[in-house]
Amino acid sequence: NKRNGHLFQDRFKSKIVKTDRYLLTLSAYIHNNPLKIKGYEKCPEKYKYSSLKVYLGLEKD
């Protein structure tokens, strides 16, 4: 396989989430990732592959 990137090269890493605070931190990190993508800087909830719309009540699960 000649593909690059973490998905194709390394095993995933896991970490136990022990506190609600850490869970919220991870959720914010994940849902803010689209802010780094051109076109989503001001509206991360429009990112197709995110569940942020559900959490914001803009869409049903």
C-alpha atoms as a PDB file:
ATOM      1  CA  ASN A   1       0.000   0.000   0.000  1.00  0.00           C
ATOM      2  CA  LYS A   2       1.536   3.303  -1.084  1.00  0.00           C
ATOM      3  CA  ARG A   3      -0.981   5.557   0.618  1.00  0.00           C
ATOM      4  CA  ASN A   4       0.090   8.087   3.228  1.00  0.00           C
ATOM      5  CA  GLY A   5      -1.466   9.429   6.389  1.00  0.00           C
ATOM      6  CA  HIS A   6      -2.438   8.112   9.805  1.00  0.00           C
ATOM      7  CA  LEU A   7      -5.444   6.246   8.458  1.00  0.00           C
ATOM      8  CA  PHE A   8      -3.267   4.071   6.256  1.00  0.00           C
ATOM      9  CA  GLN A   9       0.017   3.858   8.163  1.00  0.00           C
ATOM     10  CA  ASP A  10      -0.374   3.723  11.920  1.00  0.00           C
ATOM     11  CA  ARG A  11      -2.732   1.996  14.275  1.00  0.00           C
ATOM     12  CA  PHE A  12      -5.232   4.269  15.906  1.00  0.00           C
ATOM     13  CA  LYS A  13      -4.580   5.445  19.429  1.00  0.00           C
ATOM     14  CA  SER A  14      -7.189   5.244  22.112  1.00  0.00           C
ATOM     15  CA  LYS A  15      -7.498   6.898  25.467  1.00  0.00           C
ATOM     16  CA  ILE A  16     -10.041   6.355  28.215  1.00  0.00           C
ATOM     17  CA  VAL A  17     -12.222   9.374  28.925  1.00  0.00           C
ATOM     18  CA  LYS A  18     -12.508   9.501  32.708  1.00  0.00           C
ATOM     19  CA  THR A  19     -14.174  12.844  33.338  1.00  0.00           C
ATOM     20  CA  ASP A  20     -17.037  14.856  31.895  1.00  0.00           C
ATOM     21  CA  ARG A  21     -14.713  17.815  31.514  1.00  0.00           C
ATOM     22  CA  TYR A  22     -12.332  15.821  29.317  1.00  0.00           C
ATOM     23  CA  LEU A  23     -15.276  14.522  27.268  1.00  0.00           C
ATOM     24  CA  LEU A  24     -16.422  18.099  26.631  1.00  0.00           C
ATOM     25  CA  THR A  25     -12.873  19.107  25.693  1.00  0.00           C
ATOM     26  CA  LEU A  26     -12.642  16.261  23.176  1.00  0.00           C
ATOM     27  CA  SER A  27     -16.068  17.038  21.753  1.00  0.00           C
ATOM     28  CA  ALA A  28     -15.148  20.699  21.274  1.00  0.00           C
ATOM     29  CA  TYR A  29     -11.863  19.715  19.624  1.00  0.00           C
ATOM     30  CA  ILE A  30     -13.580  17.323  17.212  1.00  0.00           C
ATOM     31  CA  HIS A  31     -16.430  19.661  16.326  1.00  0.00           C
ATOM     32  CA  ASN A  32     -14.084  22.621  15.810  1.00  0.00           C
ATOM     33  CA  ASN A  33     -11.838  20.771  13.342  1.00  0.00           C
ATOM     34  CA  PRO A  34     -13.887  21.956  10.321  1.00  0.00           C
ATOM     35  CA  LEU A  35     -12.890  25.527  11.230  1.00  0.00           C
ATOM     36  CA  LYS A  36      -9.516  24.689   9.681  1.00  0.00           C
ATOM     37  CA  ILE A  37     -11.116  23.847   6.323  1.00  0.00           C
ATOM     38  CA  LYS A  38     -11.626  26.605   3.781  1.00  0.00           C
ATOM     39  CA  GLY A  39     -15.299  27.425   3.498  1.00  0.00           C
ATOM     40  CA  TYR A  40     -16.204  26.278   7.008  1.00  0.00           C
ATOM     41  CA  GLU A  41     -14.342  28.913   9.041  1.00  0.00           C
ATOM     42  CA  LYS A  42     -17.560  30.655  10.070  1.00  0.00           C
ATOM     43  CA  CYS A  43     -20.014  27.753   9.908  1.00  0.00           C
ATOM     44  CA  PRO A  44     -18.543  24.432  11.118  1.00  0.00           C
ATOM     45  CA  GLU A  45     -22.072  23.060  11.546  1.00  0.00           C
ATOM     46  CA  LYS A  46     -22.382  22.902   7.746  1.00  0.00           C
ATOM     47  CA  TYR A  47     -19.555  20.369   7.475  1.00  0.00           C
ATOM     48  CA  LYS A  48     -21.098  17.252   5.943  1.00  0.00           C
ATOM     49  CA  TYR A  49     -19.251  14.708   8.101  1.00  0.00           C
ATOM     50  CA  SER A  50     -19.923  16.288  11.492  1.00  0.00           C
ATOM     51  CA  SER A  51     -22.587  15.566  14.098  1.00  0.00           C
ATOM     52  CA  LEU A  52     -22.455  19.169  15.331  1.00  0.00           C
ATOM     53  CA  LYS A  53     -25.821  19.924  13.675  1.00  0.00           C
ATOM     54  CA  VAL A  54     -27.459  17.259  15.843  1.00  0.00           C
ATOM     55  CA  TYR A  55     -25.891  18.602  19.044  1.00  0.00           C
ATOM     56  CA  LEU A  56     -27.028  22.127  18.169  1.00  0.00           C
ATOM     57  CA  GLY A  57     -30.568  20.916  17.475  1.00  0.00           C
ATOM     58  CA  LEU A  58     -30.395  21.916  13.801  1.00  0.00           C
ATOM     59  CA  GLU A  59     -30.947  18.367  12.571  1.00  0.00           C
ATOM     60  CA  LYS A  60     -32.386  15.126  13.924  1.00  0.00           C
ATOM     61  CA  ASP A  61     -30.171  12.099  14.404  1.00  0.00           C
END
